[in-house]
Amino acid sequence: MHDEWNGEYLEYRCREDIYLYYLASVGLKNNFEIRISSTLSLSDERDVWRVKYKGQKESISLKLKETTTNETIILEEGSNGAGGVYTLDMQDGIVVSGSYVRGDGKRFELGILPR
């Protein structure tokens, strides 16, 4: 997977077996931007989820908890068990909004980045 932030902001982009979702926090003084990716692992045929914050070198592993027609819930595997939970609101298979609840309980609303 090509792992650099290229400045191309799309609601989602599908390239072979890689799905990329570009989101940003809303309503903060200094909003942050993230890219959530889902890749099909050919070795064990499962989805591998990761999140990368703009400006950080390393991405963070995620684990799919639950998916329904309108919602995908993904767990962040943080160090010392202090990860968070991403909830992506879906409409016709496309992310339209979301939220992130940090390990300390602080909630952040997420919106798609404009094209």
PDB file of N, CA and C in Angstrom:
ATOM      1  N   MET A   1       0.839  -1.179   0.000  1.00  0.00           N
ATOM      2  CA  MET A   1       0.000   0.000   0.000  1.00  0.00           C
ATOM      3  C   MET A   1       0.884   1.242   0.000  1.00  0.00           C
ATOM      4  N   HIS A   2       0.577   2.172  -0.828  1.00  0.00           N
ATOM      5  CA  HIS A   2       1.306   3.438  -0.880  1.00  0.00           C
ATOM      6  C   HIS A   2       0.907   4.245   0.337  1.00  0.00           C
ATOM      7  N   ASP A   3       1.874   4.600   1.190  1.00  0.00           N
ATOM      8  CA  ASP A   3       1.523   5.100   2.521  1.00  0.00           C
ATOM      9  C   ASP A   3       1.943   6.548   2.763  1.00  0.00           C
ATOM     10  N   GLU A   4       1.806   7.411   1.794  1.00  0.00           N
ATOM     11  CA  GLU A   4       2.088   8.814   2.071  1.00  0.00           C
ATOM     12  C   GLU A   4       0.842   9.655   1.809  1.00  0.00           C
ATOM     13  N   TRP A   5       0.759  10.768   2.501  1.00  0.00           N
ATOM     14  CA  TRP A   5      -0.401  11.657   2.376  1.00  0.00           C
ATOM     15  C   TRP A   5      -0.227  12.470   1.116  1.00  0.00           C
ATOM     16  N   ASN A   6      -1.079  12.277   0.122  1.00  0.00           N
ATOM     17  CA  ASN A   6      -0.846  12.911  -1.171  1.00  0.00           C
ATOM     18  C   ASN A   6      -1.692  14.151  -1.411  1.00  0.00           C
ATOM     19  N   GLY A   7      -2.478  14.563  -0.421  1.00  0.00           N
ATOM     20  CA  GLY A   7      -3.261  15.779  -0.587  1.00  0.00           C
ATOM     21  C   GLY A   7      -4.505  15.610  -1.430  1.00  0.00           C
ATOM     22  N   GLU A   8      -4.770  14.416  -1.909  1.00  0.00           N
ATOM     23  CA  GLU A   8      -5.967  14.173  -2.711  1.00  0.00           C
ATOM     24  C   GLU A   8      -7.090  13.768  -1.775  1.00  0.00           C
ATOM     25  N   TYR A   9      -8.071  14.634  -1.623  1.00  0.00           N
ATOM     26  CA  TYR A   9      -9.126  14.402  -0.649  1.00  0.00           C
ATOM     27  C   TYR A   9     -10.394  13.958  -1.358  1.00  0.00           C
ATOM     28  N   LEU A  10     -10.758  12.719  -1.142  1.00  0.00           N
ATOM     29  CA  LEU A  10     -11.951  12.156  -1.741  1.00  0.00           C
ATOM     30  C   LEU A  10     -12.812  11.548  -0.648  1.00  0.00           C
ATOM     31  N   GLU A  11     -14.102  11.442  -0.881  1.00  0.00           N
ATOM     32  CA  GLU A  11     -14.975  10.776   0.079  1.00  0.00           C
ATOM     33  C   GLU A  11     -14.479   9.349   0.280  1.00  0.00           C
ATOM     34  N   TYR A  12     -14.211   8.683  -0.766  1.00  0.00           N
ATOM     35  CA  TYR A  12     -13.570   7.386  -0.707  1.00  0.00           C
ATOM     36  C   TYR A  12     -12.961   7.105  -2.068  1.00  0.00           C
ATOM     37  N   ARG A  13     -12.001   6.220  -2.095  1.00  0.00           N
ATOM     38  CA  ARG A  13     -11.389   5.857  -3.362  1.00  0.00           C
ATOM     39  C   ARG A  13     -11.140   4.359  -3.342  1.00  0.00           C
ATOM     40  N   CYS A  14     -11.538   3.676  -4.356  1.00  0.00           N
ATOM     41  CA  CYS A  14     -11.323   2.240  -4.442  1.00  0.00           C
ATOM     42  C   CYS A  14     -10.295   1.982  -5.529  1.00  0.00           C
ATOM     43  N   ARG A  15      -9.231   1.286  -5.168  1.00  0.00           N
ATOM     44  CA  ARG A  15      -8.177   0.963  -6.117  1.00  0.00           C
ATOM     45  C   ARG A  15      -7.838  -0.494  -5.858  1.00  0.00           C
ATOM     46  N   GLU A  16      -8.221  -1.360  -6.750  1.00  0.00           N
ATOM     47  CA  GLU A  16      -8.067  -2.803  -6.575  1.00  0.00           C
ATOM     48  C   GLU A  16      -8.756  -3.218  -5.289  1.00  0.00           C
ATOM     49  N   ASP A  17      -8.007  -3.678  -4.288  1.00  0.00           N
ATOM     50  CA  ASP A  17      -8.615  -4.149  -3.045  1.00  0.00           C
ATOM     51  C   ASP A  17      -8.345  -3.197  -1.888  1.00  0.00           C
ATOM     52  N   ILE A  18      -8.070  -1.936  -2.168  1.00  0.00           N
ATOM     53  CA  ILE A  18      -7.781  -0.944  -1.132  1.00  0.00           C
ATOM     54  C   ILE A  18      -8.890   0.105  -1.120  1.00  0.00           C
ATOM     55  N   TYR A  19      -9.443   0.353   0.058  1.00  0.00           N
ATOM     56  CA  TYR A  19     -10.454   1.395   0.216  1.00  0.00           C
ATOM     57  C   TYR A  19      -9.878   2.467   1.138  1.00  0.00           C
ATOM     58  N   LEU A  20      -9.930   3.709   0.720  1.00  0.00           N
ATOM     59  CA  LEU A  20      -9.399   4.822   1.498  1.00  0.00           C
ATOM     60  C   LEU A  20     -10.520   5.796   1.809  1.00  0.00           C
ATOM     61  N   TYR A  21     -10.609   6.193   3.068  1.00  0.00           N
ATOM     62  CA  TYR A  21     -11.618   7.145   3.515  1.00  0.00           C
ATOM     63  C   TYR A  21     -10.896   8.348   4.121  1.00  0.00           C
ATOM     64  N   TYR A  22     -11.085   9.521   3.553  1.00  0.00           N
ATOM     65  CA  TYR A  22     -10.441  10.746   4.028  1.00  0.00           C
ATOM     66  C   TYR A  22     -11.442  11.542   4.860  1.00  0.00           C
ATOM     67  N   LEU A  23     -11.111  11.760   6.128  1.00  0.00           N
ATOM     68  CA  LEU A  23     -12.012  12.429   7.061  1.00  0.00           C
ATOM     69  C   LEU A  23     -11.263  13.507   7.831  1.00  0.00           C
ATOM     70  N   ALA A  24     -12.018  14.418   8.423  1.00  0.00           N
ATOM     71  CA  ALA A  24     -11.438  15.458   9.276  1.00  0.00           C
ATOM     72  C   ALA A  24     -12.381  15.705  10.444  1.00  0.00           C
ATOM     73  N   SER A  25     -11.800  16.112  11.557  1.00  0.00           N
ATOM     74  CA  SER A  25     -12.634  16.491  12.699  1.00  0.00           C
ATOM     75  C   SER A  25     -13.384  17.771  12.345  1.00  0.00           C
ATOM     76  N   VAL A  26     -14.498  17.981  12.998  1.00  0.00           N
ATOM     77  CA  VAL A  26     -15.275  19.194  12.767  1.00  0.00           C
ATOM     78  C   VAL A  26     -15.541  19.871  14.108  1.00  0.00           C
ATOM     79  N   GLY A  27     -15.565  21.195  14.078  1.00  0.00           N
ATOM     80  CA  GLY A  27     -15.934  21.960  15.264  1.00  0.00           C
ATOM     81  C   GLY A  27     -14.820  22.208  16.265  1.00  0.00           C
ATOM     82  N   LEU A  28     -13.586  21.887  15.920  1.00  0.00           N
ATOM     83  CA  LEU A  28     -12.465  22.144  16.824  1.00  0.00           C
ATOM     84  C   LEU A  28     -11.724  23.399  16.394  1.00  0.00           C
ATOM     85  N   LYS A  29     -10.997  23.989  17.307  1.00  0.00           N
ATOM     86  CA  LYS A  29     -10.178  25.150  16.967  1.00  0.00           C
ATOM     87  C   LYS A  29      -9.108  24.742  15.947  1.00  0.00           C
ATOM     88  N   ASN A  30      -8.482  23.589  16.170  1.00  0.00           N
ATOM     89  CA  ASN A  30      -7.490  23.040  15.240  1.00  0.00           C
ATOM     90  C   ASN A  30      -7.947  21.641  14.830  1.00  0.00           C
ATOM     91  N   ASN A  31      -8.640  21.562  13.707  1.00  0.00           N
ATOM     92  CA  ASN A  31      -9.137  20.273  13.239  1.00  0.00           C
ATOM     93  C   ASN A  31      -7.994  19.383  12.775  1.00  0.00           C
ATOM     94  N   PHE A  32      -8.173  18.077  12.920  1.00  0.00           N
ATOM     95  CA  PHE A  32      -7.180  17.112  12.452  1.00  0.00           C
ATOM     96  C   PHE A  32      -7.757  16.347  11.271  1.00  0.00           C
ATOM     97  N   GLU A  33      -6.878  15.804  10.436  1.00  0.00           N
ATOM     98  CA  GLU A  33      -7.279  15.041   9.268  1.00  0.00           C
ATOM     99  C   GLU A  33      -6.745  13.623   9.400  1.00  0.00           C
ATOM    100  N   ILE A  34      -7.553  12.656   8.962  1.00  0.00           N
ATOM    101  CA  ILE A  34      -7.146  11.262   9.025  1.00  0.00           C
ATOM    102  C   ILE A  34      -7.469  10.562   7.712  1.00  0.00           C
ATOM    103  N   ARG A  35      -6.791   9.458   7.523  1.00  0.00           N
ATOM    104  CA  ARG A  35      -7.089   8.565   6.406  1.00  0.00           C
ATOM    105  C   ARG A  35      -7.266   7.175   6.999  1.00  0.00           C
ATOM    106  N   ILE A  36      -8.433   6.599   6.803  1.00  0.00           N
ATOM    107  CA  ILE A  36      -8.692   5.235   7.241  1.00  0.00           C
ATOM    108  C   ILE A  36      -8.651   4.347   6.004  1.00  0.00           C
ATOM    109  N   SER A  37      -7.901   3.259   6.092  1.00  0.00           N
ATOM    110  CA  SER A  37      -7.791   2.361   4.948  1.00  0.00           C
ATOM    111  C   SER A  37      -8.232   0.953   5.319  1.00  0.00           C
ATOM    112  N   SER A  38      -8.773   0.269   4.336  1.00  0.00           N
ATOM    113  CA  SER A  38      -9.151  -1.136   4.468  1.00  0.00           C
ATOM    114  C   SER A  38      -8.550  -1.862   3.278  1.00  0.00           C
ATOM    115  N   THR A  39      -7.781  -2.892   3.562  1.00  0.00           N
ATOM    116  CA  THR A  39      -7.114  -3.663   2.517  1.00  0.00           C
ATOM    117  C   THR A  39      -7.417  -5.130   2.723  1.00  0.00           C
ATOM    118  N   LEU A  40      -7.747  -5.836   1.668  1.00  0.00           N
ATOM    119  CA  LEU A  40      -7.975  -7.267   1.768  1.00  0.00           C
ATOM    120  C   LEU A  40      -6.623  -7.964   1.811  1.00  0.00           C
ATOM    121  N   SER A  41      -6.374  -8.718   2.884  1.00  0.00           N
ATOM    122  CA  SER A  41      -5.145  -9.486   3.025  1.00  0.00           C
ATOM    123  C   SER A  41      -5.283 -10.763   2.203  1.00  0.00           C
ATOM    124  N   LEU A  42      -4.410 -10.943   1.244  1.00  0.00           N
ATOM    125  CA  LEU A  42      -4.496 -12.121   0.383  1.00  0.00           C
ATOM    126  C   LEU A  42      -4.068 -13.392   1.122  1.00  0.00           C
ATOM    127  N   SER A  43      -3.245 -13.246   2.161  1.00  0.00           N
ATOM    128  CA  SER A  43      -2.755 -14.424   2.872  1.00  0.00           C
ATOM    129  C   SER A  43      -3.847 -15.113   3.682  1.00  0.00           C
ATOM    130  N   ASP A  44      -4.712 -14.350   4.325  1.00  0.00           N
ATOM    131  CA  ASP A  44      -5.759 -14.977   5.132  1.00  0.00           C
ATOM    132  C   ASP A  44      -7.161 -14.472   4.791  1.00  0.00           C
ATOM    133  N   GLU A  45      -7.284 -13.737   3.704  1.00  0.00           N
ATOM    134  CA  GLU A  45      -8.563 -13.259   3.187  1.00  0.00           C
ATOM    135  C   GLU A  45      -9.398 -12.518   4.228  1.00  0.00           C
ATOM    136  N   ARG A  46      -8.780 -11.617   4.962  1.00  0.00           N
ATOM    137  CA  ARG A  46      -9.515 -10.771   5.905  1.00  0.00           C
ATOM    138  C   ARG A  46      -9.132  -9.327   5.641  1.00  0.00           C
ATOM    139  N   ASP A  47      -9.990  -8.427   6.064  1.00  0.00           N
ATOM    140  CA  ASP A  47      -9.709  -7.005   5.895  1.00  0.00           C
ATOM    141  C   ASP A  47      -8.716  -6.541   6.954  1.00  0.00           C
ATOM    142  N   VAL A  48      -7.731  -5.768   6.522  1.00  0.00           N
ATOM    143  CA  VAL A  48      -6.762  -5.155   7.428  1.00  0.00           C
ATOM    144  C   VAL A  48      -7.079  -3.661   7.441  1.00  0.00           C
ATOM    145  N   TRP A  49      -7.403  -3.131   8.620  1.00  0.00           N
ATOM    146  CA  TRP A  49      -7.777  -1.724   8.776  1.00  0.00           C
ATOM    147  C   TRP A  49      -6.649  -0.952   9.450  1.00  0.00           C
ATOM    148  N   ARG A  50      -6.409   0.292   8.996  1.00  0.00           N
ATOM    149  CA  ARG A  50      -5.391   1.164   9.588  1.00  0.00           C
ATOM    150  C   ARG A  50      -5.895   2.607   9.530  1.00  0.00           C
ATOM    151  N   VAL A  51      -5.399   3.442  10.446  1.00  0.00           N
ATOM    152  CA  VAL A  51      -5.686   4.871  10.416  1.00  0.00           C
ATOM    153  C   VAL A  51      -4.358   5.602  10.447  1.00  0.00           C
ATOM    154  N   LYS A  52      -4.295   6.677   9.695  1.00  0.00           N
ATOM    155  CA  LYS A  52      -3.091   7.512   9.692  1.00  0.00           C
ATOM    156  C   LYS A  52      -3.527   8.958   9.849  1.00  0.00           C
ATOM    157  N   TYR A  53      -2.955   9.626  10.830  1.00  0.00           N
ATOM    158  CA  TYR A  53      -3.223  11.043  11.055  1.00  0.00           C
ATOM    159  C   TYR A  53      -2.278  11.856  10.193  1.00  0.00           C
ATOM    160  N   LYS A  54      -2.793  12.896   9.572  1.00  0.00           N
ATOM    161  CA  LYS A  54      -1.957  13.759   8.736  1.00  0.00           C
ATOM    162  C   LYS A  54      -0.835  14.330   9.593  1.00  0.00           C
ATOM    163  N   GLY A  55       0.383  14.220   9.093  1.00  0.00           N
ATOM    164  CA  GLY A  55       1.550  14.730   9.800  1.00  0.00           C
ATOM    165  C   GLY A  55       2.274  13.663  10.610  1.00  0.00           C
ATOM    166  N   GLN A  56       1.683  12.492  10.786  1.00  0.00           N
ATOM    167  CA  GLN A  56       2.353  11.416  11.504  1.00  0.00           C
ATOM    168  C   GLN A  56       2.981  10.449  10.515  1.00  0.00           C
ATOM    169  N   LYS A  57       4.112   9.873  10.903  1.00  0.00           N
ATOM    170  CA  LYS A  57       4.810   8.946  10.016  1.00  0.00           C
ATOM    171  C   LYS A  57       4.185   7.560  10.024  1.00  0.00           C
ATOM    172  N   GLU A  58       3.748   7.109  11.178  1.00  0.00           N
ATOM    173  CA  GLU A  58       3.252   5.746  11.320  1.00  0.00           C
ATOM    174  C   GLU A  58       1.726   5.714  11.353  1.00  0.00           C
ATOM    175  N   SER A  59       1.178   4.646  10.814  1.00  0.00           N
ATOM    176  CA  SER A  59      -0.262   4.438  10.918  1.00  0.00           C
ATOM    177  C   SER A  59      -0.544   3.538  12.116  1.00  0.00           C
ATOM    178  N   ILE A  60      -1.800   3.484  12.532  1.00  0.00           N
ATOM    179  CA  ILE A  60      -2.217   2.740  13.710  1.00  0.00           C
ATOM    180  C   ILE A  60      -3.126   1.601  13.267  1.00  0.00           C
ATOM    181  N   SER A  61      -2.904   0.417  13.821  1.00  0.00           N
ATOM    182  CA  SER A  61      -3.738  -0.744  13.500  1.00  0.00           C
ATOM    183  C   SER A  61      -5.139  -0.579  14.063  1.00  0.00           C
ATOM    184  N   LEU A  62      -6.099  -1.032  13.286  1.00  0.00           N
ATOM    185  CA  LEU A  62      -7.500  -1.022  13.695  1.00  0.00           C
ATOM    186  C   LEU A  62      -8.048  -2.436  13.563  1.00  0.00           C
ATOM    187  N   LYS A  63      -9.130  -2.689  14.253  1.00  0.00           N
ATOM    188  CA  LYS A  63      -9.778  -3.989  14.179  1.00  0.00           C
ATOM    189  C   LYS A  63     -11.269  -3.781  13.947  1.00  0.00           C
ATOM    190  N   LEU A  64     -11.787  -4.392  12.892  1.00  0.00           N
ATOM    191  CA  LEU A  64     -13.206  -4.280  12.582  1.00  0.00           C
ATOM    192  C   LEU A  64     -14.010  -4.965  13.677  1.00  0.00           C
ATOM    193  N   LYS A  65     -14.934  -4.219  14.289  1.00  0.00           N
ATOM    194  CA  LYS A  65     -15.780  -4.784  15.338  1.00  0.00           C
ATOM    195  C   LYS A  65     -17.119  -5.229  14.769  1.00  0.00           C
ATOM    196  N   GLU A  66     -17.733  -4.329  14.003  1.00  0.00           N
ATOM    197  CA  GLU A  66     -19.082  -4.606  13.513  1.00  0.00           C
ATOM    198  C   GLU A  66     -19.363  -3.785  12.272  1.00  0.00           C
ATOM    199  N   THR A  67     -20.103  -4.371  11.365  1.00  0.00           N
ATOM    200  CA  THR A  67     -20.514  -3.621  10.183  1.00  0.00           C
ATOM    201  C   THR A  67     -21.965  -3.952   9.859  1.00  0.00           C
ATOM    202  N   THR A  68     -22.734  -2.914   9.554  1.00  0.00           N
ATOM    203  CA  THR A  68     -24.121  -3.066   9.137  1.00  0.00           C
ATOM    204  C   THR A  68     -24.283  -2.293   7.833  1.00  0.00           C
ATOM    205  N   THR A  69     -25.481  -2.226   7.340  1.00  0.00           N
ATOM    206  CA  THR A  69     -25.740  -1.490   6.106  1.00  0.00           C
ATOM    207  C   THR A  69     -25.393  -0.012   6.259  1.00  0.00           C
ATOM    208  N   ASN A  70     -25.653   0.565   7.440  1.00  0.00           N
ATOM    209  CA  ASN A  70     -25.485   2.004   7.633  1.00  0.00           C
ATOM    210  C   ASN A  70     -24.328   2.401   8.532  1.00  0.00           C
ATOM    211  N   GLU A  71     -23.596   1.435   9.067  1.00  0.00           N
ATOM    212  CA  GLU A  71     -22.578   1.805  10.049  1.00  0.00           C
ATOM    213  C   GLU A  71     -21.452   0.769  10.086  1.00  0.00           C
ATOM    214  N   THR A  72     -20.234   1.262  10.257  1.00  0.00           N
ATOM    215  CA  THR A  72     -19.070   0.411  10.461  1.00  0.00           C
ATOM    216  C   THR A  72     -18.386   0.881  11.738  1.00  0.00           C
ATOM    217  N   ILE A  73     -18.114  -0.054  12.641  1.00  0.00           N
ATOM    218  CA  ILE A  73     -17.464   0.268  13.906  1.00  0.00           C
ATOM    219  C   ILE A  73     -16.095  -0.402  13.920  1.00  0.00           C
ATOM    220  N   ILE A  74     -15.063   0.403  14.177  1.00  0.00           N
ATOM    221  CA  ILE A  74     -13.682  -0.070  14.123  1.00  0.00           C
ATOM    222  C   ILE A  74     -12.984   0.308  15.423  1.00  0.00           C
ATOM    223  N   LEU A  75     -12.247  -0.640  15.994  1.00  0.00           N
ATOM    224  CA  LEU A  75     -11.537  -0.416  17.247  1.00  0.00           C
ATOM    225  C   LEU A  75     -10.086  -0.079  16.977  1.00  0.00           C
ATOM    226  N   GLU A  76      -9.582   0.907  17.694  1.00  0.00           N
ATOM    227  CA  GLU A  76      -8.177   1.299  17.605  1.00  0.00           C
ATOM    228  C   GLU A  76      -7.407   0.513  18.657  1.00  0.00           C
ATOM    229  N   GLU A  77      -6.350  -0.149  18.235  1.00  0.00           N
ATOM    230  CA  GLU A  77      -5.542  -0.944  19.146  1.00  0.00           C
ATOM    231  C   GLU A  77      -4.416  -0.080  19.683  1.00  0.00           C
ATOM    232  N   GLY A  78      -4.710   0.711  20.691  1.00  0.00           N
ATOM    233  CA  GLY A  78      -3.739   1.631  21.258  1.00  0.00           C
ATOM    234  C   GLY A  78      -2.776   0.945  22.202  1.00  0.00           C
ATOM    235  N   SER A  79      -1.661   1.602  22.455  1.00  0.00           N
ATOM    236  CA  SER A  79      -0.709   1.065  23.419  1.00  0.00           C
ATOM    237  C   SER A  79      -1.349   1.099  24.803  1.00  0.00           C
ATOM    238  N   ASN A  80      -0.958   0.204  25.658  1.00  0.00           N
ATOM    239  CA  ASN A  80      -1.471   0.016  27.024  1.00  0.00           C
ATOM    240  C   ASN A  80      -3.001   0.025  27.101  1.00  0.00           C
ATOM    241  N   GLY A  81      -3.662  -0.483  26.047  1.00  0.00           N
ATOM    242  CA  GLY A  81      -5.109  -0.663  26.067  1.00  0.00           C
ATOM    243  C   GLY A  81      -5.936   0.603  26.008  1.00  0.00           C
ATOM    244  N   ALA A  82      -5.331   1.742  25.686  1.00  0.00           N
ATOM    245  CA  ALA A  82      -6.060   3.014  25.710  1.00  0.00           C
ATOM    246  C   ALA A  82      -6.485   3.457  24.325  1.00  0.00           C
ATOM    247  N   GLY A  83      -6.888   2.525  23.490  1.00  0.00           N
ATOM    248  CA  GLY A  83      -7.317   2.867  22.143  1.00  0.00           C
ATOM    249  C   GLY A  83      -8.673   3.533  22.125  1.00  0.00           C
ATOM    250  N   GLY A  84      -9.174   3.768  20.939  1.00  0.00           N
ATOM    251  CA  GLY A  84     -10.469   4.421  20.794  1.00  0.00           C
ATOM    252  C   GLY A  84     -11.364   3.638  19.863  1.00  0.00           C
ATOM    253  N   VAL A  85     -12.504   4.234  19.519  1.00  0.00           N
ATOM    254  CA  VAL A  85     -13.486   3.596  18.645  1.00  0.00           C
ATOM    255  C   VAL A  85     -13.885   4.586  17.549  1.00  0.00           C
ATOM    256  N   TYR A  86     -13.775   4.158  16.301  1.00  0.00           N
ATOM    257  CA  TYR A  86     -14.246   4.924  15.147  1.00  0.00           C
ATOM    258  C   TYR A  86     -15.589   4.355  14.719  1.00  0.00           C
ATOM    259  N   THR A  87     -16.555   5.218  14.478  1.00  0.00           N
ATOM    260  CA  THR A  87     -17.842   4.815  13.930  1.00  0.00           C
ATOM    261  C   THR A  87     -18.023   5.578  12.625  1.00  0.00           C
ATOM    262  N   LEU A  88     -18.154   4.845  11.524  1.00  0.00           N
ATOM    263  CA  LEU A  88     -18.329   5.457  10.209  1.00  0.00           C
ATOM    264  C   LEU A  88     -19.779   5.278   9.781  1.00  0.00           C
ATOM    265  N   ASP A  89     -20.450   6.378   9.503  1.00  0.00           N
ATOM    266  CA  ASP A  89     -21.827   6.350   9.021  1.00  0.00           C
ATOM    267  C   ASP A  89     -21.810   6.223   7.507  1.00  0.00           C
ATOM    268  N   MET A  90     -22.484   5.187   7.002  1.00  0.00           N
ATOM    269  CA  MET A  90     -22.443   4.866   5.584  1.00  0.00           C
ATOM    270  C   MET A  90     -23.791   5.147   4.926  1.00  0.00           C
ATOM    271  N   GLN A  91     -23.718   5.509   3.643  1.00  0.00           N
ATOM    272  CA  GLN A  91     -24.917   5.692   2.832  1.00  0.00           C
ATOM    273  C   GLN A  91     -24.597   5.149   1.452  1.00  0.00           C
ATOM    274  N   ASP A  92     -25.276   4.108   1.046  1.00  0.00           N
ATOM    275  CA  ASP A  92     -25.007   3.451  -0.241  1.00  0.00           C
ATOM    276  C   ASP A  92     -23.547   3.048  -0.388  1.00  0.00           C
ATOM    277  N   GLY A  93     -22.938   2.557   0.700  1.00  0.00           N
ATOM    278  CA  GLY A  93     -21.560   2.078   0.659  1.00  0.00           C
ATOM    279  C   GLY A  93     -20.503   3.152   0.739  1.00  0.00           C
ATOM    280  N   ILE A  94     -20.894   4.401   0.944  1.00  0.00           N
ATOM    281  CA  ILE A  94     -19.933   5.499   1.006  1.00  0.00           C
ATOM    282  C   ILE A  94     -20.025   6.159   2.373  1.00  0.00           C
ATOM    283  N   VAL A  95     -18.856   6.475   2.948  1.00  0.00           N
ATOM    284  CA  VAL A  95     -18.829   7.152   4.242  1.00  0.00           C
ATOM    285  C   VAL A  95     -19.338   8.581   4.075  1.00  0.00           C
ATOM    286  N   VAL A  96     -20.318   8.977   4.904  1.00  0.00           N
ATOM    287  CA  VAL A  96     -20.854  10.335   4.842  1.00  0.00           C
ATOM    288  C   VAL A  96     -20.505  11.151   6.082  1.00  0.00           C
ATOM    289  N   SER A  97     -20.213  10.491   7.178  1.00  0.00           N
ATOM    290  CA  SER A  97     -19.791  11.168   8.402  1.00  0.00           C
ATOM    291  C   SER A  97     -19.291  10.091   9.359  1.00  0.00           C
ATOM    292  N   GLY A  98     -18.903  10.520  10.537  1.00  0.00           N
ATOM    293  CA  GLY A  98     -18.427   9.551  11.511  1.00  0.00           C
ATOM    294  C   GLY A  98     -18.116  10.215  12.832  1.00  0.00           C
ATOM    295  N   SER A  99     -17.576   9.418  13.726  1.00  0.00           N
ATOM    296  CA  SER A  99     -17.147   9.936  15.020  1.00  0.00           C
ATOM    297  C   SER A  99     -15.984   9.088  15.527  1.00  0.00           C
ATOM    298  N   TYR A 100     -15.259   9.648  16.467  1.00  0.00           N
ATOM    299  CA  TYR A 100     -14.151   8.950  17.108  1.00  0.00           C
ATOM    300  C   TYR A 100     -14.272   9.207  18.598  1.00  0.00           C
ATOM    301  N   VAL A 101     -14.289   8.145  19.390  1.00  0.00           N
ATOM    302  CA  VAL A 101     -14.290   8.270  20.842  1.00  0.00           C
ATOM    303  C   VAL A 101     -12.939   7.764  21.326  1.00  0.00           C
ATOM    304  N   ARG A 102     -12.162   8.697  21.858  1.00  0.00           N
ATOM    305  CA  ARG A 102     -10.819   8.397  22.348  1.00  0.00           C
ATOM    306  C   ARG A 102     -10.909   7.528  23.601  1.00  0.00           C
ATOM    307  N   GLY A 103      -9.828   6.867  23.961  1.00  0.00           N
ATOM    308  CA  GLY A 103      -9.800   5.992  25.123  1.00  0.00           C
ATOM    309  C   GLY A 103     -10.214   6.659  26.421  1.00  0.00           C
ATOM    310  N   ASP A 104     -10.008   7.978  26.534  1.00  0.00           N
ATOM    311  CA  ASP A 104     -10.386   8.697  27.759  1.00  0.00           C
ATOM    312  C   ASP A 104     -11.846   9.168  27.732  1.00  0.00           C
ATOM    313  N   GLY A 105     -12.588   8.786  26.668  1.00  0.00           N
ATOM    314  CA  GLY A 105     -14.002   9.130  26.574  1.00  0.00           C
ATOM    315  C   GLY A 105     -14.305  10.385  25.782  1.00  0.00           C
ATOM    316  N   LYS A 106     -13.292  11.171  25.398  1.00  0.00           N
ATOM    317  CA  LYS A 106     -13.533  12.392  24.613  1.00  0.00           C
ATOM    318  C   LYS A 106     -14.000  12.009  23.212  1.00  0.00           C
ATOM    319  N   ARG A 107     -15.074  12.661  22.757  1.00  0.00           N
ATOM    320  CA  ARG A 107     -15.690  12.358  21.467  1.00  0.00           C
ATOM    321  C   ARG A 107     -15.360  13.446  20.446  1.00  0.00           C
ATOM    322  N   PHE A 108     -15.072  13.022  19.216  1.00  0.00           N
ATOM    323  CA  PHE A 108     -14.794  13.925  18.103  1.00  0.00           C
ATOM    324  C   PHE A 108     -15.715  13.564  16.951  1.00  0.00           C
ATOM    325  N   GLU A 109     -16.390  14.556  16.400  1.00  0.00           N
ATOM    326  CA  GLU A 109     -17.214  14.345  15.206  1.00  0.00           C
ATOM    327  C   GLU A 109     -16.315  14.419  13.984  1.00  0.00           C
ATOM    328  N   LEU A 110     -16.601  13.596  12.986  1.00  0.00           N
ATOM    329  CA  LEU A 110     -15.807  13.538  11.767  1.00  0.00           C
ATOM    330  C   LEU A 110     -16.689  13.800  10.555  1.00  0.00           C
ATOM    331  N   GLY A 111     -16.138  14.510   9.580  1.00  0.00           N
ATOM    332  CA  GLY A 111     -16.819  14.744   8.318  1.00  0.00           C
ATOM    333  C   GLY A 111     -15.897  14.396   7.179  1.00  0.00           C
ATOM    334  N   ILE A 112     -16.469  14.153   6.018  1.00  0.00           N
ATOM    335  CA  ILE A 112     -15.635  13.856   4.863  1.00  0.00           C
ATOM    336  C   ILE A 112     -14.923  15.121   4.408  1.00  0.00           C
ATOM    337  N   LEU A 113     -13.745  14.962   3.862  1.00  0.00           N
ATOM    338  CA  LEU A 113     -13.016  16.113   3.350  1.00  0.00           C
ATOM    339  C   LEU A 113     -13.566  16.459   1.968  1.00  0.00           C
ATOM    340  N   PRO A 114     -13.738  17.724   1.670  1.00  0.00           N
ATOM    341  CA  PRO A 114     -14.263  18.112   0.353  1.00  0.00           C
ATOM    342  C   PRO A 114     -13.263  17.797  -0.738  1.00  0.00           C
ATOM    343  N   ARG A 115     -13.797  17.582  -1.916  1.00  0.00           N
ATOM    344  CA  ARG A 115     -12.927  17.297  -3.061  1.00  0.00           C
ATOM    345  C   ARG A 115     -12.182  18.525  -3.481  1.00  0.00           C
TER     346      ARG A 115
END
